[in-house]
Amino acid sequence: MLAQYIKDKGIQEGIPLGETNLLCTQIAEKYSVPDEKLRPVLENLNSEMLLELGKRILYWDSYDKVQDWIRQQTKNAK
């Protein structure tokens, strides 16, 4: 039972980290933004927000839109 709990907990915590890493790489490449600048900001978003942001960057042509969206989401979450 303990092994299953640890396994489940590790998977649940690992998914947002993987999503954050992937999205960070994509945004850094698309908008030429340093990875170390993005990571702390993206780590504040939950899985649903990361998924939504991942969809939106397909259409946005500037990093300013990314920043505005993240600010709005973190403002609403408080």
PDB file of N, CA and C in Angstrom:
ATOM      1  N   MET A   1       0.822  -1.187   0.000  1.00  0.00           N
ATOM      2  CA  MET A   1       0.000   0.000   0.000  1.00  0.00           C
ATOM      3  C   MET A   1       0.871   1.258   0.000  1.00  0.00           C
ATOM      4  N   LEU A   2       1.915   1.282   0.794  1.00  0.00           N
ATOM      5  CA  LEU A   2       2.813   2.428   0.833  1.00  0.00           C
ATOM      6  C   LEU A   2       3.528   2.603  -0.500  1.00  0.00           C
ATOM      7  N   ALA A   3       3.949   1.504  -1.104  1.00  0.00           N
ATOM      8  CA  ALA A   3       4.633   1.582  -2.398  1.00  0.00           C
ATOM      9  C   ALA A   3       3.715   2.183  -3.458  1.00  0.00           C
ATOM     10  N   GLN A   4       2.461   1.794  -3.449  1.00  0.00           N
ATOM     11  CA  GLN A   4       1.501   2.340  -4.410  1.00  0.00           C
ATOM     12  C   GLN A   4       1.293   3.837  -4.180  1.00  0.00           C
ATOM     13  N   TYR A   5       1.206   4.230  -2.917  1.00  0.00           N
ATOM     14  CA  TYR A   5       1.038   5.653  -2.589  1.00  0.00           C
ATOM     15  C   TYR A   5       2.215   6.473  -3.109  1.00  0.00           C
ATOM     16  N   ILE A   6       3.427   5.983  -2.864  1.00  0.00           N
ATOM     17  CA  ILE A   6       4.623   6.688  -3.320  1.00  0.00           C
ATOM     18  C   ILE A   6       4.656   6.752  -4.842  1.00  0.00           C
ATOM     19  N   LYS A   7       4.308   5.648  -5.481  1.00  0.00           N
ATOM     20  CA  LYS A   7       4.277   5.607  -6.937  1.00  0.00           C
ATOM     21  C   LYS A   7       3.270   6.616  -7.488  1.00  0.00           C
ATOM     22  N   ASP A   8       2.061   6.619  -6.943  1.00  0.00           N
ATOM     23  CA  ASP A   8       1.023   7.553  -7.393  1.00  0.00           C
ATOM     24  C   ASP A   8       1.434   8.998  -7.138  1.00  0.00           C
ATOM     25  N   LYS A   9       1.987   9.273  -5.986  1.00  0.00           N
ATOM     26  CA  LYS A   9       2.388  10.630  -5.631  1.00  0.00           C
ATOM     27  C   LYS A   9       3.498  11.109  -6.553  1.00  0.00           C
ATOM     28  N   GLY A  10       4.441  10.257  -6.841  1.00  0.00           N
ATOM     29  CA  GLY A  10       5.535  10.612  -7.733  1.00  0.00           C
ATOM     30  C   GLY A  10       5.048  10.920  -9.127  1.00  0.00           C
ATOM     31  N   ILE A  11       4.103  10.147  -9.612  1.00  0.00           N
ATOM     32  CA  ILE A  11       3.545  10.377 -10.946  1.00  0.00           C
ATOM     33  C   ILE A  11       2.783  11.695 -10.968  1.00  0.00           C
ATOM     34  N   GLN A  12       1.976  11.935  -9.955  1.00  0.00           N
ATOM     35  CA  GLN A  12       1.188  13.164  -9.915  1.00  0.00           C
ATOM     36  C   GLN A  12       2.076  14.401  -9.858  1.00  0.00           C
ATOM     37  N   GLU A  13       3.153  14.339  -9.103  1.00  0.00           N
ATOM     38  CA  GLU A  13       4.046  15.487  -8.981  1.00  0.00           C
ATOM     39  C   GLU A  13       4.953  15.611 -10.191  1.00  0.00           C
ATOM     40  N   GLY A  14       5.230  14.509 -10.867  1.00  0.00           N
ATOM     41  CA  GLY A  14       6.117  14.525 -12.025  1.00  0.00           C
ATOM     42  C   GLY A  14       5.467  15.088 -13.268  1.00  0.00           C
ATOM     43  N   ILE A  15       4.167  14.948 -13.395  1.00  0.00           N
ATOM     44  CA  ILE A  15       3.473  15.427 -14.590  1.00  0.00           C
ATOM     45  C   ILE A  15       3.582  16.939 -14.740  1.00  0.00           C
ATOM     46  N   PRO A  16       3.258  17.740 -13.711  1.00  0.00           N
ATOM     47  CA  PRO A  16       3.408  19.184 -13.885  1.00  0.00           C
ATOM     48  C   PRO A  16       4.851  19.588 -14.197  1.00  0.00           C
ATOM     49  N   LEU A  17       5.824  18.897 -13.633  1.00  0.00           N
ATOM     50  CA  LEU A  17       7.215  19.212 -13.911  1.00  0.00           C
ATOM     51  C   LEU A  17       7.534  18.958 -15.376  1.00  0.00           C
ATOM     52  N   GLY A  18       7.060  17.859 -15.911  1.00  0.00           N
ATOM     53  CA  GLY A  18       7.266  17.561 -17.323  1.00  0.00           C
ATOM     54  C   GLY A  18       6.573  18.559 -18.219  1.00  0.00           C
ATOM     55  N   GLU A  19       5.351  18.949 -17.849  1.00  0.00           N
ATOM     56  CA  GLU A  19       4.619  19.952 -18.624  1.00  0.00           C
ATOM     57  C   GLU A  19       5.356  21.286 -18.599  1.00  0.00           C
ATOM     58  N   THR A  20       5.851  21.655 -17.433  1.00  0.00           N
ATOM     59  CA  THR A  20       6.581  22.907 -17.287  1.00  0.00           C
ATOM     60  C   THR A  20       7.849  22.894 -18.133  1.00  0.00           C
ATOM     61  N   ASN A  21       8.589  21.793 -18.086  1.00  0.00           N
ATOM     62  CA  ASN A  21       9.828  21.690 -18.865  1.00  0.00           C
ATOM     63  C   ASN A  21       9.559  21.804 -20.366  1.00  0.00           C
ATOM     64  N   LEU A  22       8.552  21.086 -20.836  1.00  0.00           N
ATOM     65  CA  LEU A  22       8.222  21.116 -22.261  1.00  0.00           C
ATOM     66  C   LEU A  22       7.788  22.509 -22.695  1.00  0.00           C
ATOM     67  N   LEU A  23       6.884  23.100 -21.954  1.00  0.00           N
ATOM     68  CA  LEU A  23       6.379  24.425 -22.310  1.00  0.00           C
ATOM     69  C   LEU A  23       7.480  25.484 -22.222  1.00  0.00           C
ATOM     70  N   CYS A  24       8.324  25.362 -21.238  1.00  0.00           N
ATOM     71  CA  CYS A  24       9.446  26.285 -21.096  1.00  0.00           C
ATOM     72  C   CYS A  24      10.343  26.219 -22.324  1.00  0.00           C
ATOM     73  N   THR A  25      10.642  25.023 -22.781  1.00  0.00           N
ATOM     74  CA  THR A  25      11.476  24.845 -23.967  1.00  0.00           C
ATOM     75  C   THR A  25      10.801  25.423 -25.201  1.00  0.00           C
ATOM     76  N   GLN A  26       9.518  25.165 -25.354  1.00  0.00           N
ATOM     77  CA  GLN A  26       8.797  25.663 -26.519  1.00  0.00           C
ATOM     78  C   GLN A  26       8.757  27.191 -26.544  1.00  0.00           C
ATOM     79  N   ILE A  27       8.445  27.800 -25.418  1.00  0.00           N
ATOM     80  CA  ILE A  27       8.361  29.261 -25.357  1.00  0.00           C
ATOM     81  C   ILE A  27       9.738  29.879 -25.576  1.00  0.00           C
ATOM     82  N   ALA A  28      10.756  29.303 -24.953  1.00  0.00           N
ATOM     83  CA  ALA A  28      12.115  29.827 -25.113  1.00  0.00           C
ATOM     84  C   ALA A  28      12.545  29.802 -26.577  1.00  0.00           C
ATOM     85  N   GLU A  29      12.223  28.724 -27.263  1.00  0.00           N
ATOM     86  CA  GLU A  29      12.587  28.597 -28.678  1.00  0.00           C
ATOM     87  C   GLU A  29      11.788  29.553 -29.562  1.00  0.00           C
ATOM     88  N   LYS A  30      10.477  29.595 -29.337  1.00  0.00           N
ATOM     89  CA  LYS A  30       9.621  30.402 -30.211  1.00  0.00           C
ATOM     90  C   LYS A  30       9.871  31.901 -30.070  1.00  0.00           C
ATOM     91  N   TYR A  31      10.053  32.353 -28.826  1.00  0.00           N
ATOM     92  CA  TYR A  31      10.152  33.784 -28.579  1.00  0.00           C
ATOM     93  C   TYR A  31      11.564  34.246 -28.218  1.00  0.00           C
ATOM     94  N   SER A  32      12.533  33.354 -28.291  1.00  0.00           N
ATOM     95  CA  SER A  32      13.935  33.680 -27.960  1.00  0.00           C
ATOM     96  C   SER A  32      14.064  34.301 -26.577  1.00  0.00           C
ATOM     97  N   VAL A  33      13.448  33.643 -25.598  1.00  0.00           N
ATOM     98  CA  VAL A  33      13.482  34.088 -24.209  1.00  0.00           C
ATOM     99  C   VAL A  33      14.365  33.114 -23.429  1.00  0.00           C
ATOM    100  N   PRO A  34      15.227  33.611 -22.548  1.00  0.00           N
ATOM    101  CA  PRO A  34      16.078  32.703 -21.775  1.00  0.00           C
ATOM    102  C   PRO A  34      15.265  31.765 -20.885  1.00  0.00           C
ATOM    103  N   ASP A  35      15.641  30.509 -20.907  1.00  0.00           N
ATOM    104  CA  ASP A  35      14.974  29.465 -20.123  1.00  0.00           C
ATOM    105  C   ASP A  35      14.904  29.834 -18.642  1.00  0.00           C
ATOM    106  N   GLU A  36      15.992  30.345 -18.097  1.00  0.00           N
ATOM    107  CA  GLU A  36      16.032  30.655 -16.661  1.00  0.00           C
ATOM    108  C   GLU A  36      15.081  31.779 -16.275  1.00  0.00           C
ATOM    109  N   LYS A  37      14.673  32.578 -17.231  1.00  0.00           N
ATOM    110  CA  LYS A  37      13.692  33.639 -16.981  1.00  0.00           C
ATOM    111  C   LYS A  37      12.275  33.061 -16.942  1.00  0.00           C
ATOM    112  N   LEU A  38      12.034  32.040 -17.737  1.00  0.00           N
ATOM    113  CA  LEU A  38      10.704  31.454 -17.857  1.00  0.00           C
ATOM    114  C   LEU A  38      10.344  30.486 -16.735  1.00  0.00           C
ATOM    115  N   ARG A  39      11.278  29.625 -16.398  1.00  0.00           N
ATOM    116  CA  ARG A  39      10.987  28.521 -15.490  1.00  0.00           C
ATOM    117  C   ARG A  39      10.307  28.953 -14.187  1.00  0.00           C
ATOM    118  N   PRO A  40      10.827  29.959 -13.470  1.00  0.00           N
ATOM    119  CA  PRO A  40      10.163  30.345 -12.211  1.00  0.00           C
ATOM    120  C   PRO A  40       8.722  30.818 -12.414  1.00  0.00           C
ATOM    121  N   VAL A  41       8.471  31.472 -13.531  1.00  0.00           N
ATOM    122  CA  VAL A  41       7.123  31.966 -13.819  1.00  0.00           C
ATOM    123  C   VAL A  41       6.179  30.808 -14.114  1.00  0.00           C
ATOM    124  N   LEU A  42       6.627  29.865 -14.927  1.00  0.00           N
ATOM    125  CA  LEU A  42       5.779  28.735 -15.308  1.00  0.00           C
ATOM    126  C   LEU A  42       5.531  27.787 -14.142  1.00  0.00           C
ATOM    127  N   GLU A  43       6.454  27.715 -13.203  1.00  0.00           N
ATOM    128  CA  GLU A  43       6.281  26.824 -12.056  1.00  0.00           C
ATOM    129  C   GLU A  43       5.138  27.256 -11.154  1.00  0.00           C
ATOM    130  N   ASN A  44       4.673  28.494 -11.313  1.00  0.00           N
ATOM    131  CA  ASN A  44       3.534  28.985 -10.525  1.00  0.00           C
ATOM    132  C   ASN A  44       2.184  28.627 -11.136  1.00  0.00           C
ATOM    133  N   LEU A  45       2.191  28.024 -12.325  1.00  0.00           N
ATOM    134  CA  LEU A  45       0.943  27.671 -13.005  1.00  0.00           C
ATOM    135  C   LEU A  45       0.603  26.208 -12.749  1.00  0.00           C
ATOM    136  N   ASN A  46      -0.690  25.918 -12.641  1.00  0.00           N
ATOM    137  CA  ASN A  46      -1.107  24.527 -12.463  1.00  0.00           C
ATOM    138  C   ASN A  46      -1.218  23.833 -13.828  1.00  0.00           C
ATOM    139  N   SER A  47      -1.515  22.555 -13.822  1.00  0.00           N
ATOM    140  CA  SER A  47      -1.557  21.772 -15.062  1.00  0.00           C
ATOM    141  C   SER A  47      -2.551  22.320 -16.078  1.00  0.00           C
ATOM    142  N   GLU A  48      -3.718  22.730 -15.616  1.00  0.00           N
ATOM    143  CA  GLU A  48      -4.724  23.268 -16.527  1.00  0.00           C
ATOM    144  C   GLU A  48      -4.238  24.558 -17.191  1.00  0.00           C
ATOM    145  N   MET A  49      -3.592  25.407 -16.417  1.00  0.00           N
ATOM    146  CA  MET A  49      -3.067  26.658 -16.961  1.00  0.00           C
ATOM    147  C   MET A  49      -1.945  26.381 -17.964  1.00  0.00           C
ATOM    148  N   LEU A  50      -1.077  25.426 -17.648  1.00  0.00           N
ATOM    149  CA  LEU A  50       0.012  25.078 -18.560  1.00  0.00           C
ATOM    150  C   LEU A  50      -0.535  24.554 -19.880  1.00  0.00           C
ATOM    151  N   LEU A  51      -1.565  23.723 -19.809  1.00  0.00           N
ATOM    152  CA  LEU A  51      -2.178  23.193 -21.023  1.00  0.00           C
ATOM    153  C   LEU A  51      -2.784  24.314 -21.863  1.00  0.00           C
ATOM    154  N   GLU A  52      -3.498  25.202 -21.211  1.00  0.00           N
ATOM    155  CA  GLU A  52      -4.112  26.332 -21.923  1.00  0.00           C
ATOM    156  C   GLU A  52      -3.042  27.230 -22.553  1.00  0.00           C
ATOM    157  N   LEU A  53      -1.997  27.515 -21.813  1.00  0.00           N
ATOM    158  CA  LEU A  53      -0.916  28.338 -22.346  1.00  0.00           C
ATOM    159  C   LEU A  53      -0.256  27.651 -23.535  1.00  0.00           C
ATOM    160  N   GLY A  54      -0.087  26.345 -23.449  1.00  0.00           N
ATOM    161  CA  GLY A  54       0.497  25.593 -24.558  1.00  0.00           C
ATOM    162  C   GLY A  54      -0.313  25.724 -25.828  1.00  0.00           C
ATOM    163  N   LYS A  55      -1.622  25.769 -25.705  1.00  0.00           N
ATOM    164  CA  LYS A  55      -2.482  25.957 -26.878  1.00  0.00           C
ATOM    165  C   LYS A  55      -2.360  27.375 -27.425  1.00  0.00           C
ATOM    166  N   ARG A  56      -2.333  28.325 -26.531  1.00  0.00           N
ATOM    167  CA  ARG A  56      -2.329  29.727 -26.948  1.00  0.00           C
ATOM    168  C   ARG A  56      -1.044  30.132 -27.656  1.00  0.00           C
ATOM    169  N   ILE A  57       0.090  29.573 -27.244  1.00  0.00           N
ATOM    170  CA  ILE A  57       1.340  29.996 -27.883  1.00  0.00           C
ATOM    171  C   ILE A  57       1.412  29.560 -29.343  1.00  0.00           C
ATOM    172  N   LEU A  58       0.542  28.654 -29.731  1.00  0.00           N
ATOM    173  CA  LEU A  58       0.501  28.269 -31.144  1.00  0.00           C
ATOM    174  C   LEU A  58       0.052  29.425 -32.027  1.00  0.00           C
ATOM    175  N   TYR A  59      -0.703  30.349 -31.460  1.00  0.00           N
ATOM    176  CA  TYR A  59      -1.294  31.433 -32.236  1.00  0.00           C
ATOM    177  C   TYR A  59      -0.690  32.800 -31.955  1.00  0.00           C
ATOM    178  N   TRP A  60      -0.102  32.972 -30.785  1.00  0.00           N
ATOM    179  CA  TRP A  60       0.448  34.275 -30.430  1.00  0.00           C
ATOM    180  C   TRP A  60       1.772  34.505 -31.127  1.00  0.00           C
ATOM    181  N   ASP A  61       1.983  35.736 -31.571  1.00  0.00           N
ATOM    182  CA  ASP A  61       3.215  36.055 -32.277  1.00  0.00           C
ATOM    183  C   ASP A  61       4.212  36.850 -31.443  1.00  0.00           C
ATOM    184  N   SER A  62       3.872  37.136 -30.190  1.00  0.00           N
ATOM    185  CA  SER A  62       4.818  37.887 -29.357  1.00  0.00           C
ATOM    186  C   SER A  62       4.825  37.355 -27.920  1.00  0.00           C
ATOM    187  N   TYR A  63       5.976  37.497 -27.294  1.00  0.00           N
ATOM    188  CA  TYR A  63       6.120  37.073 -25.901  1.00  0.00           C
ATOM    189  C   TYR A  63       5.320  37.979 -24.968  1.00  0.00           C
ATOM    190  N   ASP A  64       5.041  39.197 -25.390  1.00  0.00           N
ATOM    191  CA  ASP A  64       4.237  40.108 -24.571  1.00  0.00           C
ATOM    192  C   ASP A  64       2.864  39.516 -24.272  1.00  0.00           C
ATOM    193  N   LYS A  65       2.276  38.842 -25.239  1.00  0.00           N
ATOM    194  CA  LYS A  65       0.969  38.213 -25.029  1.00  0.00           C
ATOM    195  C   LYS A  65       1.065  37.100 -23.998  1.00  0.00           C
ATOM    196  N   VAL A  66       2.157  36.367 -24.027  1.00  0.00           N
ATOM    197  CA  VAL A  66       2.394  35.300 -23.044  1.00  0.00           C
ATOM    198  C   VAL A  66       2.476  35.915 -21.648  1.00  0.00           C
ATOM    199  N   GLN A  67       3.275  36.955 -21.522  1.00  0.00           N
ATOM    200  CA  GLN A  67       3.431  37.609 -20.227  1.00  0.00           C
ATOM    201  C   GLN A  67       2.116  38.168 -19.702  1.00  0.00           C
ATOM    202  N   ASP A  68       1.358  38.818 -20.569  1.00  0.00           N
ATOM    203  CA  ASP A  68       0.062  39.378 -20.160  1.00  0.00           C
ATOM    204  C   ASP A  68      -0.879  38.286 -19.674  1.00  0.00           C
ATOM    205  N   TRP A  69      -0.922  37.176 -20.400  1.00  0.00           N
ATOM    206  CA  TRP A  69      -1.805  36.075 -20.029  1.00  0.00           C
ATOM    207  C   TRP A  69      -1.394  35.476 -18.684  1.00  0.00           C
ATOM    208  N   ILE A  70      -0.107  35.271 -18.490  1.00  0.00           N
ATOM    209  CA  ILE A  70       0.382  34.709 -17.222  1.00  0.00           C
ATOM    210  C   ILE A  70       0.063  35.654 -16.068  1.00  0.00           C
ATOM    211  N   ARG A  71       0.275  36.946 -16.263  1.00  0.00           N
ATOM    212  CA  ARG A  71      -0.050  37.920 -15.211  1.00  0.00           C
ATOM    213  C   ARG A  71      -1.528  37.854 -14.845  1.00  0.00           C
ATOM    214  N   GLN A  72      -2.368  37.766 -15.855  1.00  0.00           N
ATOM    215  CA  GLN A  72      -3.805  37.712 -15.612  1.00  0.00           C
ATOM    216  C   GLN A  72      -4.193  36.439 -14.852  1.00  0.00           C
ATOM    217  N   GLN A  73      -3.615  35.319 -15.240  1.00  0.00           N
ATOM    218  CA  GLN A  73      -3.934  34.056 -14.585  1.00  0.00           C
ATOM    219  C   GLN A  73      -3.479  34.037 -13.138  1.00  0.00           C
ATOM    220  N   THR A  74      -2.287  34.522 -12.873  1.00  0.00           N
ATOM    221  CA  THR A  74      -1.777  34.519 -11.490  1.00  0.00           C
ATOM    222  C   THR A  74      -2.527  35.548 -10.634  1.00  0.00           C
ATOM    223  N   LYS A  75      -2.971  36.634 -11.260  1.00  0.00           N
ATOM    224  CA  LYS A  75      -3.773  37.627 -10.553  1.00  0.00           C
ATOM    225  C   LYS A  75      -5.131  37.032 -10.158  1.00  0.00           C
ATOM    226  N   ASN A  76      -5.754  36.300 -11.065  1.00  0.00           N
ATOM    227  CA  ASN A  76      -7.061  35.689 -10.805  1.00  0.00           C
ATOM    228  C   ASN A  76      -6.975  34.570  -9.781  1.00  0.00           C
ATOM    229  N   ALA A  77      -5.832  33.917  -9.696  1.00  0.00           N
ATOM    230  CA  ALA A  77      -5.666  32.776  -8.783  1.00  0.00           C
ATOM    231  C   ALA A  77      -5.545  33.220  -7.329  1.00  0.00           C
ATOM    232  N   LYS A  78      -5.228  34.489  -7.114  1.00  0.00           N
ATOM    233  CA  LYS A  78      -5.038  34.982  -5.734  1.00  0.00           C
ATOM    234  C   LYS A  78      -6.322  35.296  -5.074  1.00  0.00           C
TER     235      LYS A  78
END
